[in-house]
Amino acid sequence: MELLKRAHILLVPGIREGFGINVIEAASVGTPSIGYNIHGLRDSIIHGETGFLVNDMNSAVEAALELLSKKDFYQKMSQDCIKYAENFSWDKRIEEFWQKIYSYNKNNGT
């Protein structure tokens, strides 16, 4: 976590991602992320608020340069990252999971 906190940006170069928990971990210490516009990262990056979703490497470089060159914009995004990450907790996710299981079973008569 200390390395994530010291980083300016988390670059996520993968073209497949299940959820992007590394993005949430980075956000929790104020580090914005840049990653490809794919399913898992769409769930963990809010484009333009907690990082950037990009379609190619050139766009990733442009997004990184924008973040690094605009101090006020970076500071706002960093603060937004921390606020966003506060919405995630294992206890909350477990409760949501069990609610979905209960609802599914109830609706399917099991």
PDB file of N, CA and C in Angstrom:
ATOM      1  N   MET A   1       0.832  -1.187   0.000  1.00  0.00           N
ATOM      2  CA  MET A   1       0.000   0.000   0.000  1.00  0.00           C
ATOM      3  C   MET A   1       0.881   1.256   0.000  1.00  0.00           C
ATOM      4  N   GLU A   2       2.014   1.155   0.662  1.00  0.00           N
ATOM      5  CA  GLU A   2       2.914   2.313   0.700  1.00  0.00           C
ATOM      6  C   GLU A   2       3.407   2.663  -0.705  1.00  0.00           C
ATOM      7  N   LEU A   3       3.714   1.655  -1.508  1.00  0.00           N
ATOM      8  CA  LEU A   3       4.152   1.926  -2.883  1.00  0.00           C
ATOM      9  C   LEU A   3       3.028   2.543  -3.709  1.00  0.00           C
ATOM     10  N   LEU A   4       1.810   2.050  -3.528  1.00  0.00           N
ATOM     11  CA  LEU A   4       0.670   2.639  -4.244  1.00  0.00           C
ATOM     12  C   LEU A   4       0.468   4.091  -3.835  1.00  0.00           C
ATOM     13  N   LYS A   5       0.663   4.371  -2.573  1.00  0.00           N
ATOM     14  CA  LYS A   5       0.490   5.742  -2.077  1.00  0.00           C
ATOM     15  C   LYS A   5       1.553   6.671  -2.647  1.00  0.00           C
ATOM     16  N   ARG A   6       2.758   6.146  -2.829  1.00  0.00           N
ATOM     17  CA  ARG A   6       3.849   6.966  -3.367  1.00  0.00           C
ATOM     18  C   ARG A   6       3.762   7.135  -4.881  1.00  0.00           C
ATOM     19  N   ALA A   7       3.028   6.245  -5.537  1.00  0.00           N
ATOM     20  CA  ALA A   7       2.894   6.324  -6.998  1.00  0.00           C
ATOM     21  C   ALA A   7       2.014   7.498  -7.384  1.00  0.00           C
ATOM     22  N   HIS A   8       2.267   8.062  -8.530  1.00  0.00           N
ATOM     23  CA  HIS A   8       1.418   9.142  -9.045  1.00  0.00           C
ATOM     24  C   HIS A   8       0.207   8.584  -9.777  1.00  0.00           C
ATOM     25  N   ILE A   9       0.414   7.464 -10.468  1.00  0.00           N
ATOM     26  CA  ILE A   9      -0.638   6.855 -11.293  1.00  0.00           C
ATOM     27  C   ILE A   9      -0.434   5.341 -11.271  1.00  0.00           C
ATOM     28  N   LEU A  10      -1.543   4.609 -11.274  1.00  0.00           N
ATOM     29  CA  LEU A  10      -1.483   3.161 -11.475  1.00  0.00           C
ATOM     30  C   LEU A  10      -1.855   2.900 -12.931  1.00  0.00           C
ATOM     31  N   LEU A  11      -0.929   2.328 -13.695  1.00  0.00           N
ATOM     32  CA  LEU A  11      -1.212   1.944 -15.077  1.00  0.00           C
ATOM     33  C   LEU A  11      -1.596   0.472 -15.082  1.00  0.00           C
ATOM     34  N   VAL A  12      -2.745   0.164 -15.663  1.00  0.00           N
ATOM     35  CA  VAL A  12      -3.233  -1.215 -15.724  1.00  0.00           C
ATOM     36  C   VAL A  12      -3.254  -1.609 -17.204  1.00  0.00           C
ATOM     37  N   PRO A  13      -2.177  -2.260 -17.683  1.00  0.00           N
ATOM     38  CA  PRO A  13      -2.050  -2.533 -19.109  1.00  0.00           C
ATOM     39  C   PRO A  13      -2.758  -3.790 -19.596  1.00  0.00           C
ATOM     40  N   GLY A  14      -3.373  -4.561 -18.698  1.00  0.00           N
ATOM     41  CA  GLY A  14      -4.010  -5.809 -19.107  1.00  0.00           C
ATOM     42  C   GLY A  14      -5.219  -5.590 -19.998  1.00  0.00           C
ATOM     43  N   ILE A  15      -5.451  -6.539 -20.894  1.00  0.00           N
ATOM     44  CA  ILE A  15      -6.613  -6.448 -21.790  1.00  0.00           C
ATOM     45  C   ILE A  15      -7.784  -7.285 -21.286  1.00  0.00           C
ATOM     46  N   ARG A  16      -7.584  -7.970 -20.138  1.00  0.00           N
ATOM     47  CA  ARG A  16      -8.660  -8.707 -19.458  1.00  0.00           C
ATOM     48  C   ARG A  16      -8.526  -8.436 -17.972  1.00  0.00           C
ATOM     49  N   GLU A  17      -9.648  -8.246 -17.328  1.00  0.00           N
ATOM     50  CA  GLU A  17      -9.620  -7.975 -15.891  1.00  0.00           C
ATOM     51  C   GLU A  17     -10.945  -8.402 -15.292  1.00  0.00           C
ATOM     52  N   GLY A  18     -10.885  -9.132 -14.201  1.00  0.00           N
ATOM     53  CA  GLY A  18     -12.111  -9.583 -13.546  1.00  0.00           C
ATOM     54  C   GLY A  18     -12.851  -8.455 -12.868  1.00  0.00           C
ATOM     55  N   PHE A  19     -12.176  -7.675 -12.071  1.00  0.00           N
ATOM     56  CA  PHE A  19     -12.807  -6.550 -11.390  1.00  0.00           C
ATOM     57  C   PHE A  19     -11.874  -5.365 -11.285  1.00  0.00           C
ATOM     58  N   GLY A  20     -10.661  -5.553 -10.917  1.00  0.00           N
ATOM     59  CA  GLY A  20      -9.740  -4.436 -10.760  1.00  0.00           C
ATOM     60  C   GLY A  20      -9.579  -4.034  -9.313  1.00  0.00           C
ATOM     61  N   ILE A  21      -9.431  -5.015  -8.436  1.00  0.00           N
ATOM     62  CA  ILE A  21      -9.261  -4.695  -7.023  1.00  0.00           C
ATOM     63  C   ILE A  21      -7.999  -3.860  -6.806  1.00  0.00           C
ATOM     64  N   ASN A  22      -6.981  -4.053  -7.650  1.00  0.00           N
ATOM     65  CA  ASN A  22      -5.774  -3.232  -7.539  1.00  0.00           C
ATOM     66  C   ASN A  22      -6.091  -1.758  -7.774  1.00  0.00           C
ATOM     67  N   VAL A  23      -7.077  -1.493  -8.608  1.00  0.00           N
ATOM     68  CA  VAL A  23      -7.506  -0.114  -8.866  1.00  0.00           C
ATOM     69  C   VAL A  23      -8.149   0.482  -7.613  1.00  0.00           C
ATOM     70  N   ILE A  24      -8.984  -0.299  -6.946  1.00  0.00           N
ATOM     71  CA  ILE A  24      -9.639   0.170  -5.719  1.00  0.00           C
ATOM     72  C   ILE A  24      -8.595   0.368  -4.620  1.00  0.00           C
ATOM     73  N   GLU A  25      -7.628  -0.531  -4.532  1.00  0.00           N
ATOM     74  CA  GLU A  25      -6.558  -0.373  -3.543  1.00  0.00           C
ATOM     75  C   GLU A  25      -5.772   0.911  -3.799  1.00  0.00           C
ATOM     76  N   ALA A  26      -5.451   1.177  -5.060  1.00  0.00           N
ATOM     77  CA  ALA A  26      -4.736   2.417  -5.397  1.00  0.00           C
ATOM     78  C   ALA A  26      -5.605   3.631  -5.072  1.00  0.00           C
ATOM     79  N   ALA A  27      -6.870   3.561  -5.422  1.00  0.00           N
ATOM     80  CA  ALA A  27      -7.784   4.681  -5.157  1.00  0.00           C
ATOM     81  C   ALA A  27      -7.874   4.966  -3.657  1.00  0.00           C
ATOM     82  N   SER A  28      -7.818   3.922  -2.842  1.00  0.00           N
ATOM     83  CA  SER A  28      -7.962   4.105  -1.396  1.00  0.00           C
ATOM     84  C   SER A  28      -6.846   4.962  -0.797  1.00  0.00           C
ATOM     85  N   VAL A  29      -5.729   5.075  -1.500  1.00  0.00           N
ATOM     86  CA  VAL A  29      -4.633   5.926  -1.030  1.00  0.00           C
ATOM     87  C   VAL A  29      -4.445   7.151  -1.933  1.00  0.00           C
ATOM     88  N   GLY A  30      -5.446   7.405  -2.796  1.00  0.00           N
ATOM     89  CA  GLY A  30      -5.441   8.614  -3.610  1.00  0.00           C
ATOM     90  C   GLY A  30      -4.701   8.535  -4.923  1.00  0.00           C
ATOM     91  N   THR A  31      -4.435   7.328  -5.383  1.00  0.00           N
ATOM     92  CA  THR A  31      -3.715   7.166  -6.646  1.00  0.00           C
ATOM     93  C   THR A  31      -4.687   6.821  -7.769  1.00  0.00           C
ATOM     94  N   PRO A  32      -4.842   7.720  -8.757  1.00  0.00           N
ATOM     95  CA  PRO A  32      -5.722   7.439  -9.896  1.00  0.00           C
ATOM     96  C   PRO A  32      -5.150   6.333 -10.777  1.00  0.00           C
ATOM     97  N   SER A  33      -6.028   5.693 -11.545  1.00  0.00           N
ATOM     98  CA  SER A  33      -5.618   4.600 -12.432  1.00  0.00           C
ATOM     99  C   SER A  33      -5.948   4.916 -13.878  1.00  0.00           C
ATOM    100  N   ILE A  34      -5.161   4.349 -14.749  1.00  0.00           N
ATOM    101  CA  ILE A  34      -5.404   4.420 -16.186  1.00  0.00           C
ATOM    102  C   ILE A  34      -5.367   2.987 -16.698  1.00  0.00           C
ATOM    103  N   GLY A  35      -6.430   2.581 -17.368  1.00  0.00           N
ATOM    104  CA  GLY A  35      -6.492   1.225 -17.889  1.00  0.00           C
ATOM    105  C   GLY A  35      -7.369   1.164 -19.124  1.00  0.00           C
ATOM    106  N   TYR A  36      -7.313   0.036 -19.784  1.00  0.00           N
ATOM    107  CA  TYR A  36      -8.121  -0.145 -20.985  1.00  0.00           C
ATOM    108  C   TYR A  36      -9.610  -0.163 -20.657  1.00  0.00           C
ATOM    109  N   ASN A  37     -10.396   0.271 -21.596  1.00  0.00           N
ATOM    110  CA  ASN A  37     -11.854   0.337 -21.456  1.00  0.00           C
ATOM    111  C   ASN A  37     -12.434  -1.071 -21.639  1.00  0.00           C
ATOM    112  N   ILE A  38     -12.284  -1.884 -20.578  1.00  0.00           N
ATOM    113  CA  ILE A  38     -12.752  -3.266 -20.593  1.00  0.00           C
ATOM    114  C   ILE A  38     -13.675  -3.493 -19.400  1.00  0.00           C
ATOM    115  N   HIS A  39     -14.422  -4.588 -19.426  1.00  0.00           N
ATOM    116  CA  HIS A  39     -15.450  -4.841 -18.413  1.00  0.00           C
ATOM    117  C   HIS A  39     -14.973  -4.653 -16.986  1.00  0.00           C
ATOM    118  N   GLY A  40     -13.972  -5.371 -16.550  1.00  0.00           N
ATOM    119  CA  GLY A  40     -13.552  -5.303 -15.150  1.00  0.00           C
ATOM    120  C   GLY A  40     -13.121  -3.917 -14.712  1.00  0.00           C
ATOM    121  N   LEU A  41     -12.454  -3.188 -15.596  1.00  0.00           N
ATOM    122  CA  LEU A  41     -11.987  -1.858 -15.231  1.00  0.00           C
ATOM    123  C   LEU A  41     -13.108  -0.826 -15.299  1.00  0.00           C
ATOM    124  N   ARG A  42     -14.118  -1.067 -16.121  1.00  0.00           N
ATOM    125  CA  ARG A  42     -15.281  -0.167 -16.124  1.00  0.00           C
ATOM    126  C   ARG A  42     -16.009  -0.210 -14.790  1.00  0.00           C
ATOM    127  N   ASP A  43     -15.837  -1.326 -14.070  1.00  0.00           N
ATOM    128  CA  ASP A  43     -16.461  -1.463 -12.757  1.00  0.00           C
ATOM    129  C   ASP A  43     -15.642  -0.809 -11.655  1.00  0.00           C
ATOM    130  N   SER A  44     -14.372  -0.538 -11.906  1.00  0.00           N
ATOM    131  CA  SER A  44     -13.525  -0.005 -10.844  1.00  0.00           C
ATOM    132  C   SER A  44     -12.941   1.379 -11.122  1.00  0.00           C
ATOM    133  N   ILE A  45     -12.997   1.851 -12.358  1.00  0.00           N
ATOM    134  CA  ILE A  45     -12.528   3.200 -12.696  1.00  0.00           C
ATOM    135  C   ILE A  45     -13.721   4.014 -13.185  1.00  0.00           C
ATOM    136  N   ILE A  46     -13.919   5.175 -12.586  1.00  0.00           N
ATOM    137  CA  ILE A  46     -14.917   6.112 -13.110  1.00  0.00           C
ATOM    138  C   ILE A  46     -14.156   7.068 -14.021  1.00  0.00           C
ATOM    139  N   HIS A  47     -14.394   6.938 -15.322  1.00  0.00           N
ATOM    140  CA  HIS A  47     -13.643   7.704 -16.317  1.00  0.00           C
ATOM    141  C   HIS A  47     -13.744   9.208 -16.044  1.00  0.00           C
ATOM    142  N   GLY A  48     -12.590   9.841 -15.928  1.00  0.00           N
ATOM    143  CA  GLY A  48     -12.530  11.279 -15.717  1.00  0.00           C
ATOM    144  C   GLY A  48     -12.678  11.702 -14.265  1.00  0.00           C
ATOM    145  N   GLU A  49     -13.016  10.751 -13.376  1.00  0.00           N
ATOM    146  CA  GLU A  49     -13.174  11.084 -11.953  1.00  0.00           C
ATOM    147  C   GLU A  49     -12.163  10.377 -11.068  1.00  0.00           C
ATOM    148  N   THR A  50     -11.963   9.082 -11.294  1.00  0.00           N
ATOM    149  CA  THR A  50     -11.000   8.323 -10.479  1.00  0.00           C
ATOM    150  C   THR A  50      -9.866   7.772 -11.344  1.00  0.00           C
ATOM    151  N   GLY A  51      -9.867   8.152 -12.593  1.00  0.00           N
ATOM    152  CA  GLY A  51      -8.855   7.700 -13.531  1.00  0.00           C
ATOM    153  C   GLY A  51      -9.391   7.815 -14.947  1.00  0.00           C
ATOM    154  N   PHE A  52      -8.757   7.091 -15.838  1.00  0.00           N
ATOM    155  CA  PHE A  52      -9.161   7.136 -17.236  1.00  0.00           C
ATOM    156  C   PHE A  52      -9.263   5.731 -17.816  1.00  0.00           C
ATOM    157  N   LEU A  53     -10.288   5.526 -18.616  1.00  0.00           N
ATOM    158  CA  LEU A  53     -10.442   4.317 -19.416  1.00  0.00           C
ATOM    159  C   LEU A  53     -10.026   4.680 -20.836  1.00  0.00           C
ATOM    160  N   VAL A  54      -9.104   3.924 -21.388  1.00  0.00           N
ATOM    161  CA  VAL A  54      -8.551   4.260 -22.702  1.00  0.00           C
ATOM    162  C   VAL A  54      -8.695   3.081 -23.656  1.00  0.00           C
ATOM    163  N   ASN A  55      -8.541   3.385 -24.938  1.00  0.00           N
ATOM    164  CA  ASN A  55      -8.681   2.348 -25.964  1.00  0.00           C
ATOM    165  C   ASN A  55      -7.348   1.905 -26.563  1.00  0.00           C
ATOM    166  N   ASP A  56      -6.285   2.667 -26.315  1.00  0.00           N
ATOM    167  CA  ASP A  56      -4.983   2.307 -26.855  1.00  0.00           C
ATOM    168  C   ASP A  56      -3.879   2.955 -26.023  1.00  0.00           C
ATOM    169  N   MET A  57      -2.646   2.563 -26.283  1.00  0.00           N
ATOM    170  CA  MET A  57      -1.520   3.039 -25.497  1.00  0.00           C
ATOM    171  C   MET A  57      -1.299   4.540 -25.666  1.00  0.00           C
ATOM    172  N   ASN A  58      -1.529   5.081 -26.857  1.00  0.00           N
ATOM    173  CA  ASN A  58      -1.364   6.525 -27.057  1.00  0.00           C
ATOM    174  C   ASN A  58      -2.320   7.314 -26.171  1.00  0.00           C
ATOM    175  N   SER A  59      -3.550   6.832 -26.039  1.00  0.00           N
ATOM    176  CA  SER A  59      -4.518   7.495 -25.164  1.00  0.00           C
ATOM    177  C   SER A  59      -4.092   7.388 -23.709  1.00  0.00           C
ATOM    178  N   ALA A  60      -3.480   6.275 -23.333  1.00  0.00           N
ATOM    179  CA  ALA A  60      -2.990   6.109 -21.962  1.00  0.00           C
ATOM    180  C   ALA A  60      -1.891   7.129 -21.666  1.00  0.00           C
ATOM    181  N   VAL A  61      -0.987   7.305 -22.619  1.00  0.00           N
ATOM    182  CA  VAL A  61       0.095   8.280 -22.450  1.00  0.00           C
ATOM    183  C   VAL A  61      -0.487   9.686 -22.336  1.00  0.00           C
ATOM    184  N   GLU A  62      -1.438  10.021 -23.197  1.00  0.00           N
ATOM    185  CA  GLU A  62      -2.073  11.350 -23.144  1.00  0.00           C
ATOM    186  C   GLU A  62      -2.765  11.575 -21.804  1.00  0.00           C
ATOM    187  N   ALA A  63      -3.463  10.566 -21.302  1.00  0.00           N
ATOM    188  CA  ALA A  63      -4.161  10.688 -20.018  1.00  0.00           C
ATOM    189  C   ALA A  63      -3.147  10.887 -18.890  1.00  0.00           C
ATOM    190  N   ALA A  64      -2.061  10.133 -18.919  1.00  0.00           N
ATOM    191  CA  ALA A  64      -1.027  10.277 -17.885  1.00  0.00           C
ATOM    192  C   ALA A  64      -0.416  11.669 -17.919  1.00  0.00           C
ATOM    193  N   LEU A  65      -0.114  12.155 -19.104  1.00  0.00           N
ATOM    194  CA  LEU A  65       0.460  13.503 -19.230  1.00  0.00           C
ATOM    195  C   LEU A  65      -0.517  14.569 -18.742  1.00  0.00           C
ATOM    196  N   GLU A  66      -1.804  14.389 -19.038  1.00  0.00           N
ATOM    197  CA  GLU A  66      -2.804  15.343 -18.569  1.00  0.00           C
ATOM    198  C   GLU A  66      -2.836  15.372 -17.040  1.00  0.00           C
ATOM    199  N   LEU A  67      -2.851  14.197 -16.432  1.00  0.00           N
ATOM    200  CA  LEU A  67      -2.868  14.130 -14.966  1.00  0.00           C
ATOM    201  C   LEU A  67      -1.626  14.764 -14.354  1.00  0.00           C
ATOM    202  N   LEU A  68      -0.488  14.457 -14.911  1.00  0.00           N
ATOM    203  CA  LEU A  68       0.766  14.930 -14.335  1.00  0.00           C
ATOM    204  C   LEU A  68       1.026  16.407 -14.590  1.00  0.00           C
ATOM    205  N   SER A  69       0.395  16.973 -15.605  1.00  0.00           N
ATOM    206  CA  SER A  69       0.651  18.376 -15.942  1.00  0.00           C
ATOM    207  C   SER A  69      -0.364  19.353 -15.342  1.00  0.00           C
ATOM    208  N   LYS A  70      -1.455  18.831 -14.795  1.00  0.00           N
ATOM    209  CA  LYS A  70      -2.494  19.695 -14.217  1.00  0.00           C
ATOM    210  C   LYS A  70      -2.635  19.378 -12.726  1.00  0.00           C
ATOM    211  N   LYS A  71      -1.876  20.102 -11.923  1.00  0.00           N
ATOM    212  CA  LYS A  71      -1.801  19.804 -10.493  1.00  0.00           C
ATOM    213  C   LYS A  71      -3.168  19.844  -9.807  1.00  0.00           C
ATOM    214  N   ASP A  72      -3.963  20.874 -10.073  1.00  0.00           N
ATOM    215  CA  ASP A  72      -5.280  20.986  -9.432  1.00  0.00           C
ATOM    216  C   ASP A  72      -6.198  19.833  -9.838  1.00  0.00           C
ATOM    217  N   PHE A  73      -6.170  19.496 -11.129  1.00  0.00           N
ATOM    218  CA  PHE A  73      -6.980  18.387 -11.635  1.00  0.00           C
ATOM    219  C   PHE A  73      -6.554  17.084 -10.973  1.00  0.00           C
ATOM    220  N   TYR A  74      -5.249  16.875 -10.859  1.00  0.00           N
ATOM    221  CA  TYR A  74      -4.723  15.675 -10.218  1.00  0.00           C
ATOM    222  C   TYR A  74      -5.164  15.610  -8.755  1.00  0.00           C
ATOM    223  N   GLN A  75      -5.048  16.707  -8.045  1.00  0.00           N
ATOM    224  CA  GLN A  75      -5.423  16.725  -6.626  1.00  0.00           C
ATOM    225  C   GLN A  75      -6.906  16.400  -6.444  1.00  0.00           C
ATOM    226  N   LYS A  76      -7.755  16.956  -7.308  1.00  0.00           N
ATOM    227  CA  LYS A  76      -9.196  16.675  -7.229  1.00  0.00           C
ATOM    228  C   LYS A  76      -9.454  15.200  -7.497  1.00  0.00           C
ATOM    229  N   MET A  77      -8.815  14.656  -8.534  1.00  0.00           N
ATOM    230  CA  MET A  77      -9.012  13.253  -8.865  1.00  0.00           C
ATOM    231  C   MET A  77      -8.512  12.367  -7.725  1.00  0.00           C
ATOM    232  N   SER A  78      -7.402  12.729  -7.122  1.00  0.00           N
ATOM    233  CA  SER A  78      -6.864  11.970  -6.010  1.00  0.00           C
ATOM    234  C   SER A  78      -7.864  11.945  -4.846  1.00  0.00           C
ATOM    235  N   GLN A  79      -8.452  13.075  -4.538  1.00  0.00           N
ATOM    236  CA  GLN A  79      -9.461  13.147  -3.475  1.00  0.00           C
ATOM    237  C   GLN A  79     -10.703  12.336  -3.840  1.00  0.00           C
ATOM    238  N   ASP A  80     -11.115  12.425  -5.101  1.00  0.00           N
ATOM    239  CA  ASP A  80     -12.277  11.650  -5.561  1.00  0.00           C
ATOM    240  C   ASP A  80     -12.007  10.147  -5.468  1.00  0.00           C
ATOM    241  N   CYS A  81     -10.770   9.755  -5.720  1.00  0.00           N
ATOM    242  CA  CYS A  81     -10.396   8.340  -5.601  1.00  0.00           C
ATOM    243  C   CYS A  81     -10.622   7.850  -4.175  1.00  0.00           C
ATOM    244  N   ILE A  82     -10.166   8.622  -3.219  1.00  0.00           N
ATOM    245  CA  ILE A  82     -10.296   8.221  -1.811  1.00  0.00           C
ATOM    246  C   ILE A  82     -11.768   8.096  -1.433  1.00  0.00           C
ATOM    247  N   LYS A  83     -12.573   9.062  -1.840  1.00  0.00           N
ATOM    248  CA  LYS A  83     -14.012   9.021  -1.541  1.00  0.00           C
ATOM    249  C   LYS A  83     -14.667   7.802  -2.192  1.00  0.00           C
ATOM    250  N   TYR A  84     -14.305   7.537  -3.434  1.00  0.00           N
ATOM    251  CA  TYR A  84     -14.874   6.409  -4.169  1.00  0.00           C
ATOM    252  C   TYR A  84     -14.516   5.087  -3.496  1.00  0.00           C
ATOM    253  N   ALA A  85     -13.260   4.943  -3.109  1.00  0.00           N
ATOM    254  CA  ALA A  85     -12.793   3.687  -2.510  1.00  0.00           C
ATOM    255  C   ALA A  85     -13.459   3.414  -1.165  1.00  0.00           C
ATOM    256  N   GLU A  86     -13.910   4.457  -0.494  1.00  0.00           N
ATOM    257  CA  GLU A  86     -14.589   4.272   0.793  1.00  0.00           C
ATOM    258  C   GLU A  86     -15.896   3.487   0.649  1.00  0.00           C
ATOM    259  N   ASN A  87     -16.429   3.414  -0.570  1.00  0.00           N
ATOM    260  CA  ASN A  87     -17.667   2.668  -0.823  1.00  0.00           C
ATOM    261  C   ASN A  87     -17.453   1.167  -0.897  1.00  0.00           C
ATOM    262  N   PHE A  88     -16.197   0.727  -0.870  1.00  0.00           N
ATOM    263  CA  PHE A  88     -15.889  -0.683  -1.027  1.00  0.00           C
ATOM    264  C   PHE A  88     -15.371  -1.261   0.281  1.00  0.00           C
ATOM    265  N   SER A  89     -15.957  -2.364   0.673  1.00  0.00           N
ATOM    266  CA  SER A  89     -15.459  -3.106   1.827  1.00  0.00           C
ATOM    267  C   SER A  89     -15.855  -4.561   1.638  1.00  0.00           C
ATOM    268  N   TRP A  90     -15.047  -5.461   2.176  1.00  0.00           N
ATOM    269  CA  TRP A  90     -15.355  -6.880   2.054  1.00  0.00           C
ATOM    270  C   TRP A  90     -16.665  -7.202   2.756  1.00  0.00           C
ATOM    271  N   ASP A  91     -16.883  -6.608   3.927  1.00  0.00           N
ATOM    272  CA  ASP A  91     -18.130  -6.877   4.658  1.00  0.00           C
ATOM    273  C   ASP A  91     -19.350  -6.475   3.833  1.00  0.00           C
ATOM    274  N   LYS A  92     -19.258  -5.317   3.190  1.00  0.00           N
ATOM    275  CA  LYS A  92     -20.372  -4.844   2.360  1.00  0.00           C
ATOM    276  C   LYS A  92     -20.579  -5.774   1.159  1.00  0.00           C
ATOM    277  N   ARG A  93     -19.505  -6.174   0.513  1.00  0.00           N
ATOM    278  CA  ARG A  93     -19.608  -7.053  -0.659  1.00  0.00           C
ATOM    279  C   ARG A  93     -20.173  -8.420  -0.279  1.00  0.00           C
ATOM    280  N   ILE A  94     -19.755  -8.948   0.881  1.00  0.00           N
ATOM    281  CA  ILE A  94     -20.275 -10.244   1.327  1.00  0.00           C
ATOM    282  C   ILE A  94     -21.777 -10.146   1.566  1.00  0.00           C
ATOM    283  N   GLU A  95     -22.219  -9.076   2.208  1.00  0.00           N
ATOM    284  CA  GLU A  95     -23.647  -8.883   2.463  1.00  0.00           C
ATOM    285  C   GLU A  95     -24.424  -8.783   1.145  1.00  0.00           C
ATOM    286  N   GLU A  96     -23.887  -8.034   0.166  1.00  0.00           N
ATOM    287  CA  GLU A  96     -24.543  -7.922  -1.142  1.00  0.00           C
ATOM    288  C   GLU A  96     -24.624  -9.288  -1.822  1.00  0.00           C
ATOM    289  N   PHE A  97     -23.547 -10.057  -1.709  1.00  0.00           N
ATOM    290  CA  PHE A  97     -23.512 -11.390  -2.305  1.00  0.00           C
ATOM    291  C   PHE A  97     -24.623 -12.257  -1.718  1.00  0.00           C
ATOM    292  N   TRP A  98     -24.719 -12.305  -0.385  1.00  0.00           N
ATOM    293  CA  TRP A  98     -25.731 -13.139   0.254  1.00  0.00           C
ATOM    294  C   TRP A  98     -27.147 -12.664  -0.071  1.00  0.00           C
ATOM    295  N   GLN A  99     -27.334 -11.364  -0.214  1.00  0.00           N
ATOM    296  CA  GLN A  99     -28.652 -10.837  -0.592  1.00  0.00           C
ATOM    297  C   GLN A  99     -29.030 -11.311  -1.991  1.00  0.00           C
ATOM    298  N   LYS A 100     -28.070 -11.315  -2.902  1.00  0.00           N
ATOM    299  CA  LYS A 100     -28.348 -11.788  -4.260  1.00  0.00           C
ATOM    300  C   LYS A 100     -28.657 -13.284  -4.272  1.00  0.00           C
ATOM    301  N   ILE A 101     -27.916 -14.042  -3.493  1.00  0.00           N
ATOM    302  CA  ILE A 101     -28.180 -15.485  -3.397  1.00  0.00           C
ATOM    303  C   ILE A 101     -29.586 -15.716  -2.837  1.00  0.00           C
ATOM    304  N   TYR A 102     -29.930 -15.018  -1.771  1.00  0.00           N
ATOM    305  CA  TYR A 102     -31.244 -15.161  -1.151  1.00  0.00           C
ATOM    306  C   TYR A 102     -32.347 -14.793  -2.145  1.00  0.00           C
ATOM    307  N   SER A 103     -32.159 -13.672  -2.838  1.00  0.00           N
ATOM    308  CA  SER A 103     -33.154 -13.217  -3.812  1.00  0.00           C
ATOM    309  C   SER A 103     -33.294 -14.223  -4.951  1.00  0.00           C
ATOM    310  N   TYR A 104     -32.185 -14.748  -5.430  1.00  0.00           N
ATOM    311  CA  TYR A 104     -32.212 -15.734  -6.508  1.00  0.00           C
ATOM    312  C   TYR A 104     -32.967 -16.988  -6.059  1.00  0.00           C
ATOM    313  N   ASN A 105     -32.616 -17.489  -4.897  1.00  0.00           N
ATOM    314  CA  ASN A 105     -33.271 -18.697  -4.383  1.00  0.00           C
ATOM    315  C   ASN A 105     -34.762 -18.469  -4.160  1.00  0.00           C
ATOM    316  N   LYS A 106     -35.132 -17.332  -3.647  1.00  0.00           N
ATOM    317  CA  LYS A 106     -36.523 -17.011  -3.390  1.00  0.00           C
ATOM    318  C   LYS A 106     -37.326 -16.955  -4.699  1.00  0.00           C
ATOM    319  N   ASN A 107     -36.743 -16.352  -5.710  1.00  0.00           N
ATOM    320  CA  ASN A 107     -37.418 -16.211  -7.010  1.00  0.00           C
ATOM    321  C   ASN A 107     -37.455 -17.508  -7.812  1.00  0.00           C
ATOM    322  N   ASN A 108     -36.577 -18.447  -7.494  1.00  0.00           N
ATOM    323  CA  ASN A 108     -36.524 -19.705  -8.228  1.00  0.00           C
ATOM    324  C   ASN A 108     -37.032 -20.875  -7.412  1.00  0.00           C
ATOM    325  N   GLY A 109     -37.636 -20.589  -6.269  1.00  0.00           N
ATOM    326  CA  GLY A 109     -38.244 -21.635  -5.462  1.00  0.00           C
ATOM    327  C   GLY A 109     -37.275 -22.620  -4.849  1.00  0.00           C
ATOM    328  N   THR A 110     -36.049 -22.192  -4.625  1.00  0.00           N
ATOM    329  CA  THR A 110     -35.074 -23.109  -4.000  1.00  0.00           C
ATOM    330  C   THR A 110     -34.672 -22.618  -2.636  1.00  0.00           C
TER     331      THR A 110
END
